[in-house]
């Protein structure tokens, strides 16, 4: 599924630690869940044009693939930009 910004919506199992910030642990790619092996970087992007702030993650998955995920806290949605 694709949102209004042409970003692909994905299912992610995340963990909110003591600080309450969602950290991705498993990404559901197709039929198979893939574990997050390493968080390579994470950053926050300021709101633009009425958009809410979002958190971005650059990940290395257990499959060896690298992926950028975007978390939209206001909507509790994960996307691939």
PDB file of N, CA and C in Angstrom:
ATOM      1  N   UNK A   1       0.845  -1.161   0.000  1.00  0.00           N
ATOM      2  CA  UNK A   1       0.000   0.000   0.000  1.00  0.00           C
ATOM      3  C   UNK A   1       0.900   1.238   0.000  1.00  0.00           C
ATOM      4  N   UNK A   2       0.443   2.312  -0.617  1.00  0.00           N
ATOM      5  CA  UNK A   2       1.203   3.551  -0.747  1.00  0.00           C
ATOM      6  C   UNK A   2       0.390   4.695  -0.149  1.00  0.00           C
ATOM      7  N   UNK A   3       1.072   5.616   0.557  1.00  0.00           N
ATOM      8  CA  UNK A   3       0.356   6.760   1.135  1.00  0.00           C
ATOM      9  C   UNK A   3       0.342   7.930   0.151  1.00  0.00           C
ATOM     10  N   UNK A   4      -0.183   9.070   0.592  1.00  0.00           N
ATOM     11  CA  UNK A   4      -0.329  10.244  -0.277  1.00  0.00           C
ATOM     12  C   UNK A   4       1.005  10.786  -0.782  1.00  0.00           C
ATOM     13  N   UNK A   5       2.083  10.540  -0.043  1.00  0.00           N
ATOM     14  CA  UNK A   5       3.410  11.030  -0.419  1.00  0.00           C
ATOM     15  C   UNK A   5       4.175   9.997  -1.253  1.00  0.00           C
ATOM     16  N   UNK A   6       3.476   8.977  -1.754  1.00  0.00           N
ATOM     17  CA  UNK A   6       4.082   7.889  -2.539  1.00  0.00           C
ATOM     18  C   UNK A   6       5.130   7.105  -1.764  1.00  0.00           C
ATOM     19  N   UNK A   7       4.933   6.981  -0.465  1.00  0.00           N
ATOM     20  CA  UNK A   7       5.796   6.163   0.373  1.00  0.00           C
ATOM     21  C   UNK A   7       5.096   4.825   0.594  1.00  0.00           C
ATOM     22  N   UNK A   8       5.851   3.750   0.579  1.00  0.00           N
ATOM     23  CA  UNK A   8       5.288   2.421   0.773  1.00  0.00           C
ATOM     24  C   UNK A   8       5.072   2.182   2.264  1.00  0.00           C
ATOM     25  N   UNK A   9       3.846   1.826   2.634  1.00  0.00           N
ATOM     26  CA  UNK A   9       3.541   1.487   4.024  1.00  0.00           C
ATOM     27  C   UNK A   9       4.047   0.089   4.327  1.00  0.00           C
ATOM     28  N   UNK A  10       4.717  -0.078   5.481  1.00  0.00           N
ATOM     29  CA  UNK A  10       5.230  -1.388   5.872  1.00  0.00           C
ATOM     30  C   UNK A  10       4.834  -1.678   7.314  1.00  0.00           C
ATOM     31  N   UNK A  11       4.760  -2.957   7.625  1.00  0.00           N
ATOM     32  CA  UNK A  11       4.498  -3.380   9.001  1.00  0.00           C
ATOM     33  C   UNK A  11       5.835  -3.558   9.708  1.00  0.00           C
ATOM     34  N   UNK A  12       5.920  -3.001  10.910  1.00  0.00           N
ATOM     35  CA  UNK A  12       7.154  -3.049  11.686  1.00  0.00           C
ATOM     36  C   UNK A  12       6.806  -3.403  13.128  1.00  0.00           C
ATOM     37  N   UNK A  13       7.551  -4.341  13.697  1.00  0.00           N
ATOM     38  CA  UNK A  13       7.460  -4.593  15.130  1.00  0.00           C
ATOM     39  C   UNK A  13       8.514  -3.712  15.767  1.00  0.00           C
ATOM     40  N   UNK A  14       8.095  -2.849  16.685  1.00  0.00           N
ATOM     41  CA  UNK A  14       9.008  -1.897  17.293  1.00  0.00           C
ATOM     42  C   UNK A  14       8.939  -2.010  18.806  1.00  0.00           C
ATOM     43  N   UNK A  15       9.970  -1.487  19.436  1.00  0.00           N
ATOM     44  CA  UNK A  15      10.058  -1.488  20.884  1.00  0.00           C
ATOM     45  C   UNK A  15      10.206  -0.053  21.361  1.00  0.00           C
ATOM     46  N   UNK A  16       9.374   0.349  22.296  1.00  0.00           N
ATOM     47  CA  UNK A  16       9.506   1.677  22.905  1.00  0.00           C
ATOM     48  C   UNK A  16      10.177   1.490  24.255  1.00  0.00           C
ATOM     49  N   UNK A  17      11.409   1.922  24.347  1.00  0.00           N
ATOM     50  CA  UNK A  17      12.169   1.774  25.589  1.00  0.00           C
ATOM     51  C   UNK A  17      11.703   2.746  26.649  1.00  0.00           C
ATOM     52  N   UNK A  18      12.549   2.957  27.633  1.00  0.00           N
ATOM     53  CA  UNK A  18      12.229   3.841  28.745  1.00  0.00           C
ATOM     54  C   UNK A  18      11.965   5.271  28.316  1.00  0.00           C
ATOM     55  N   UNK A  19      12.562   5.681  27.188  1.00  0.00           N
ATOM     56  CA  UNK A  19      12.336   7.039  26.693  1.00  0.00           C
ATOM     57  C   UNK A  19      11.050   7.127  25.879  1.00  0.00           C
ATOM     58  N   UNK A  20      10.450   5.989  25.578  1.00  0.00           N
ATOM     59  CA  UNK A  20       9.188   5.983  24.855  1.00  0.00           C
ATOM     60  C   UNK A  20       9.312   6.165  23.358  1.00  0.00           C
ATOM     61  N   UNK A  21      10.534   6.141  22.813  1.00  0.00           N
ATOM     62  CA  UNK A  21      10.723   6.306  21.376  1.00  0.00           C
ATOM     63  C   UNK A  21      10.724   4.935  20.701  1.00  0.00           C
ATOM     64  N   UNK A  22       9.946   4.820  19.635  1.00  0.00           N
ATOM     65  CA  UNK A  22       9.833   3.566  18.918  1.00  0.00           C
ATOM     66  C   UNK A  22      11.148   3.248  18.189  1.00  0.00           C
ATOM     67  N   UNK A  23      11.649   2.032  18.388  1.00  0.00           N
ATOM     68  CA  UNK A  23      12.850   1.549  17.713  1.00  0.00           C
ATOM     69  C   UNK A  23      12.460   0.285  16.955  1.00  0.00           C
ATOM     70  N   UNK A  24      12.700   0.232  15.639  1.00  0.00           N
ATOM     71  CA  UNK A  24      12.306  -0.951  14.862  1.00  0.00           C
ATOM     72  C   UNK A  24      13.133  -2.181  15.237  1.00  0.00           C
ATOM     73  N   UNK A  25      12.465  -3.318  15.356  1.00  0.00           N
ATOM     74  CA  UNK A  25      13.122  -4.590  15.677  1.00  0.00           C
ATOM     75  C   UNK A  25      12.933  -5.622  14.562  1.00  0.00           C
ATOM     76  N   UNK A  26      11.752  -5.634  13.951  1.00  0.00           N
ATOM     77  CA  UNK A  26      11.441  -6.579  12.868  1.00  0.00           C
ATOM     78  C   UNK A  26      10.675  -5.826  11.786  1.00  0.00           C
ATOM     79  N   UNK A  27      11.079  -6.041  10.533  1.00  0.00           N
ATOM     80  CA  UNK A  27      10.388  -5.456   9.386  1.00  0.00           C
ATOM     81  C   UNK A  27       9.729  -6.594   8.628  1.00  0.00           C
ATOM     82  N   UNK A  28       8.459  -6.449   8.319  1.00  0.00           N
ATOM     83  CA  UNK A  28       7.721  -7.481   7.595  1.00  0.00           C
ATOM     84  C   UNK A  28       7.818  -7.171   6.104  1.00  0.00           C
ATOM     85  N   UNK A  29       8.726  -7.889   5.443  1.00  0.00           N
ATOM     86  CA  UNK A  29       8.974  -7.715   4.002  1.00  0.00           C
ATOM     87  C   UNK A  29       8.289  -8.864   3.277  1.00  0.00           C
ATOM     88  N   UNK A  30       7.197  -8.575   2.617  1.00  0.00           N
ATOM     89  CA  UNK A  30       6.459  -9.648   1.965  1.00  0.00           C
ATOM     90  C   UNK A  30       5.843 -10.559   3.014  1.00  0.00           C
ATOM     91  N   UNK A  31       6.022 -11.847   2.851  1.00  0.00           N
ATOM     92  CA  UNK A  31       5.442 -12.812   3.783  1.00  0.00           C
ATOM     93  C   UNK A  31       6.334 -13.117   4.969  1.00  0.00           C
ATOM     94  N   UNK A  32       7.620 -12.795   4.852  1.00  0.00           N
ATOM     95  CA  UNK A  32       8.578 -13.163   5.887  1.00  0.00           C
ATOM     96  C   UNK A  32       9.000 -11.962   6.735  1.00  0.00           C
ATOM     97  N   UNK A  33       8.943 -12.106   8.064  1.00  0.00           N
ATOM     98  CA  UNK A  33       9.497 -11.049   8.916  1.00  0.00           C
ATOM     99  C   UNK A  33      11.020 -11.133   8.894  1.00  0.00           C
ATOM    100  N   UNK A  34      11.692  -9.978   8.861  1.00  0.00           N
ATOM    101  CA  UNK A  34      13.145  -9.930   8.839  1.00  0.00           C
ATOM    102  C   UNK A  34      13.617  -9.098  10.024  1.00  0.00           C
ATOM    103  N   UNK A  35      14.516  -9.663  10.822  1.00  0.00           N
ATOM    104  CA  UNK A  35      15.022  -8.969  12.008  1.00  0.00           C
ATOM    105  C   UNK A  35      15.950  -7.823  11.613  1.00  0.00           C
ATOM    106  N   UNK A  36      15.923  -6.786  12.422  1.00  0.00           N
ATOM    107  CA  UNK A  36      16.859  -5.677  12.265  1.00  0.00           C
ATOM    108  C   UNK A  36      18.170  -6.109  12.915  1.00  0.00           C
ATOM    109  N   UNK A  37      19.218  -6.168  12.129  1.00  0.00           N
ATOM    110  CA  UNK A  37      20.535  -6.581  12.614  1.00  0.00           C
ATOM    111  C   UNK A  37      21.249  -5.411  13.311  1.00  0.00           C
ATOM    112  N   UNK A  38      21.130  -4.217  12.697  1.00  0.00           N
ATOM    113  CA  UNK A  38      21.855  -3.065  13.225  1.00  0.00           C
ATOM    114  C   UNK A  38      21.158  -1.772  12.789  1.00  0.00           C
ATOM    115  N   UNK A  39      21.109  -0.814  13.697  1.00  0.00           N
ATOM    116  CA  UNK A  39      20.649   0.527  13.348  1.00  0.00           C
ATOM    117  C   UNK A  39      21.889   1.318  12.975  1.00  0.00           C
ATOM    118  N   UNK A  40      22.011   1.654  11.700  1.00  0.00           N
ATOM    119  CA  UNK A  40      23.186   2.357  11.200  1.00  0.00           C
ATOM    120  C   UNK A  40      23.148   3.837  11.553  1.00  0.00           C
ATOM    121  N   UNK A  41      21.966   4.426  11.497  1.00  0.00           N
ATOM    122  CA  UNK A  41      21.799   5.819  11.916  1.00  0.00           C
ATOM    123  C   UNK A  41      20.321   6.094  12.142  1.00  0.00           C
ATOM    124  N   UNK A  42      20.047   7.137  12.906  1.00  0.00           N
ATOM    125  CA  UNK A  42      18.670   7.594  13.099  1.00  0.00           C
ATOM    126  C   UNK A  42      18.689   9.095  13.288  1.00  0.00           C
ATOM    127  N   UNK A  43      17.636   9.742  12.787  1.00  0.00           N
ATOM    128  CA  UNK A  43      17.544  11.188  12.858  1.00  0.00           C
ATOM    129  C   UNK A  43      16.088  11.609  12.821  1.00  0.00           C
ATOM    130  N   UNK A  44      15.843  12.837  13.181  1.00  0.00           N
ATOM    131  CA  UNK A  44      14.494  13.404  13.177  1.00  0.00           C
ATOM    132  C   UNK A  44      14.428  14.491  12.126  1.00  0.00           C
ATOM    133  N   UNK A  45      13.357  14.489  11.360  1.00  0.00           N
ATOM    134  CA  UNK A  45      13.127  15.530  10.361  1.00  0.00           C
ATOM    135  C   UNK A  45      11.999  16.423  10.854  1.00  0.00           C
ATOM    136  N   UNK A  46      12.230  17.707  10.753  1.00  0.00           N
ATOM    137  CA  UNK A  46      11.231  18.687  11.192  1.00  0.00           C
ATOM    138  C   UNK A  46      10.005  18.643  10.292  1.00  0.00           C
ATOM    139  N   UNK A  47       8.910  19.097  10.849  1.00  0.00           N
ATOM    140  CA  UNK A  47       7.658  19.157  10.091  1.00  0.00           C
ATOM    141  C   UNK A  47       7.793  20.129   8.923  1.00  0.00           C
ATOM    142  N   UNK A  48       7.161  19.759   7.794  1.00  0.00           N
ATOM    143  CA  UNK A  48       7.166  20.605   6.606  1.00  0.00           C
ATOM    144  C   UNK A  48       5.757  20.663   6.032  1.00  0.00           C
ATOM    145  N   UNK A  49       5.337  21.826   5.646  1.00  0.00           N
ATOM    146  CA  UNK A  49       4.042  22.007   4.955  1.00  0.00           C
ATOM    147  C   UNK A  49       2.891  21.311   5.672  1.00  0.00           C
ATOM    148  N   UNK A  50       2.779  21.500   6.965  1.00  0.00           N
ATOM    149  CA  UNK A  50       1.677  20.912   7.708  1.00  0.00           C
ATOM    150  C   UNK A  50       1.885  19.458   8.087  1.00  0.00           C
ATOM    151  N   UNK A  51       2.997  18.863   7.645  1.00  0.00           N
ATOM    152  CA  UNK A  51       3.339  17.494   8.012  1.00  0.00           C
ATOM    153  C   UNK A  51       3.803  17.453   9.456  1.00  0.00           C
ATOM    154  N   UNK A  52       3.661  16.325  10.092  1.00  0.00           N
ATOM    155  CA  UNK A  52       4.187  16.146  11.437  1.00  0.00           C
ATOM    156  C   UNK A  52       5.660  15.757  11.363  1.00  0.00           C
ATOM    157  N   UNK A  53       6.344  15.938  12.475  1.00  0.00           N
ATOM    158  CA  UNK A  53       7.728  15.500  12.586  1.00  0.00           C
ATOM    159  C   UNK A  53       7.806  13.994  12.378  1.00  0.00           C
ATOM    160  N   UNK A  54       8.884  13.531  11.764  1.00  0.00           N
ATOM    161  CA  UNK A  54       9.055  12.094  11.596  1.00  0.00           C
ATOM    162  C   UNK A  54      10.463  11.675  11.981  1.00  0.00           C
ATOM    163  N   UNK A  55      10.567  10.418  12.355  1.00  0.00           N
ATOM    164  CA  UNK A  55      11.859   9.844  12.718  1.00  0.00           C
ATOM    165  C   UNK A  55      12.283   8.899  11.610  1.00  0.00           C
ATOM    166  N   UNK A  56      13.528   9.002  11.220  1.00  0.00           N
ATOM    167  CA  UNK A  56      14.069   8.150  10.152  1.00  0.00           C
ATOM    168  C   UNK A  56      15.139   7.235  10.727  1.00  0.00           C
ATOM    169  N   UNK A  57      15.195   6.029  10.161  1.00  0.00           N
ATOM    170  CA  UNK A  57      16.162   5.023  10.576  1.00  0.00           C
ATOM    171  C   UNK A  57      16.821   4.424   9.342  1.00  0.00           C
ATOM    172  N   UNK A  58      18.130   4.325   9.362  1.00  0.00           N
ATOM    173  CA  UNK A  58      18.861   3.578   8.333  1.00  0.00           C
ATOM    174  C   UNK A  58      19.258   2.272   9.006  1.00  0.00           C
ATOM    175  N   UNK A  59      18.797   1.146   8.438  1.00  0.00           N
ATOM    176  CA  UNK A  59      18.933  -0.163   9.080  1.00  0.00           C
ATOM    177  C   UNK A  59      19.705  -1.145   8.207  1.00  0.00           C
ATOM    178  N   UNK A  60      20.366  -2.082   8.875  1.00  0.00           N
ATOM    179  CA  UNK A  60      20.875  -3.276   8.197  1.00  0.00           C
ATOM    180  C   UNK A  60      20.034  -4.437   8.721  1.00  0.00           C
ATOM    181  N   UNK A  61      19.401  -5.144   7.795  1.00  0.00           N
ATOM    182  CA  UNK A  61      18.545  -6.274   8.166  1.00  0.00           C
ATOM    183  C   UNK A  61      19.366  -7.555   8.248  1.00  0.00           C
ATOM    184  N   UNK A  62      18.801  -8.565   8.891  1.00  0.00           N
ATOM    185  CA  UNK A  62      19.476  -9.861   9.011  1.00  0.00           C
ATOM    186  C   UNK A  62      19.748 -10.483   7.651  1.00  0.00           C
ATOM    187  N   UNK A  63      18.988 -10.100   6.645  1.00  0.00           N
ATOM    188  CA  UNK A  63      19.190 -10.605   5.280  1.00  0.00           C
ATOM    189  C   UNK A  63      20.408  -9.974   4.613  1.00  0.00           C
ATOM    190  N   UNK A  64      20.974  -8.916   5.246  1.00  0.00           N
ATOM    191  CA  UNK A  64      22.101  -8.195   4.670  1.00  0.00           C
ATOM    192  C   UNK A  64      21.693  -6.933   3.938  1.00  0.00           C
ATOM    193  N   UNK A  65      20.414  -6.796   3.651  1.00  0.00           N
ATOM    194  CA  UNK A  65      19.918  -5.604   2.947  1.00  0.00           C
ATOM    195  C   UNK A  65      19.948  -4.396   3.875  1.00  0.00           C
ATOM    196  N   UNK A  66      20.147  -3.212   3.283  1.00  0.00           N
ATOM    197  CA  UNK A  66      20.038  -1.968   4.023  1.00  0.00           C
ATOM    198  C   UNK A  66      18.752  -1.263   3.598  1.00  0.00           C
ATOM    199  N   UNK A  67      18.128  -0.597   4.555  1.00  0.00           N
ATOM    200  CA  UNK A  67      16.810  -0.023   4.326  1.00  0.00           C
ATOM    201  C   UNK A  67      16.662   1.258   5.138  1.00  0.00           C
ATOM    202  N   UNK A  68      16.003   2.253   4.566  1.00  0.00           N
ATOM    203  CA  UNK A  68      15.640   3.455   5.306  1.00  0.00           C
ATOM    204  C   UNK A  68      14.153   3.380   5.626  1.00  0.00           C
ATOM    205  N   UNK A  69      13.822   3.522   6.902  1.00  0.00           N
ATOM    206  CA  UNK A  69      12.427   3.531   7.354  1.00  0.00           C
ATOM    207  C   UNK A  69      12.095   4.896   7.927  1.00  0.00           C
ATOM    208  N   UNK A  70      10.858   5.282   7.782  1.00  0.00           N
ATOM    209  CA  UNK A  70      10.367   6.531   8.346  1.00  0.00           C
ATOM    210  C   UNK A  70       9.203   6.206   9.275  1.00  0.00           C
ATOM    211  N   UNK A  71       9.256   6.757  10.499  1.00  0.00           N
ATOM    212  CA  UNK A  71       8.173   6.555  11.464  1.00  0.00           C
ATOM    213  C   UNK A  71       7.418   7.864  11.637  1.00  0.00           C
ATOM    214  N   UNK A  72       6.094   7.791  11.488  1.00  0.00           N
ATOM    215  CA  UNK A  72       5.207   8.934  11.620  1.00  0.00           C
ATOM    216  C   UNK A  72       4.460   8.789  12.949  1.00  0.00           C
ATOM    217  N   UNK A  73       4.979   9.382  14.025  1.00  0.00           N
ATOM    218  CA  UNK A  73       4.371   9.149  15.346  1.00  0.00           C
ATOM    219  C   UNK A  73       2.921   9.609  15.464  1.00  0.00           C
ATOM    220  N   UNK A  74       2.547  10.677  14.785  1.00  0.00           N
ATOM    221  CA  UNK A  74       1.167  11.175  14.895  1.00  0.00           C
ATOM    222  C   UNK A  74       0.157  10.159  14.370  1.00  0.00           C
ATOM    223  N   UNK A  75       0.568   9.379  13.344  1.00  0.00           N
ATOM    224  CA  UNK A  75      -0.319   8.384  12.744  1.00  0.00           C
ATOM    225  C   UNK A  75       0.055   6.957  13.139  1.00  0.00           C
ATOM    226  N   UNK A  76       1.174   6.799  13.856  1.00  0.00           N
ATOM    227  CA  UNK A  76       1.712   5.485  14.218  1.00  0.00           C
ATOM    228  C   UNK A  76       1.890   4.611  12.981  1.00  0.00           C
ATOM    229  N   UNK A  77       2.513   5.193  11.926  1.00  0.00           N
ATOM    230  CA  UNK A  77       2.735   4.490  10.673  1.00  0.00           C
ATOM    231  C   UNK A  77       4.224   4.427  10.358  1.00  0.00           C
ATOM    232  N   UNK A  78       4.620   3.326   9.704  1.00  0.00           N
ATOM    233  CA  UNK A  78       5.989   3.154   9.211  1.00  0.00           C
ATOM    234  C   UNK A  78       5.931   3.126   7.684  1.00  0.00           C
ATOM    235  N   UNK A  79       6.874   3.828   7.057  1.00  0.00           N
ATOM    236  CA  UNK A  79       6.930   3.852   5.600  1.00  0.00           C
ATOM    237  C   UNK A  79       8.369   3.703   5.132  1.00  0.00           C
ATOM    238  N   UNK A  80       8.502   3.312   3.861  1.00  0.00           N
ATOM    239  CA  UNK A  80       9.782   3.321   3.167  1.00  0.00           C
ATOM    240  C   UNK A  80       9.713   4.481   2.187  1.00  0.00           C
ATOM    241  N   UNK A  81      10.522   5.516   2.407  1.00  0.00           N
ATOM    242  CA  UNK A  81      10.455   6.693   1.528  1.00  0.00           C
ATOM    243  C   UNK A  81      10.947   6.379   0.117  1.00  0.00           C
TER     244      UNK A  81
END
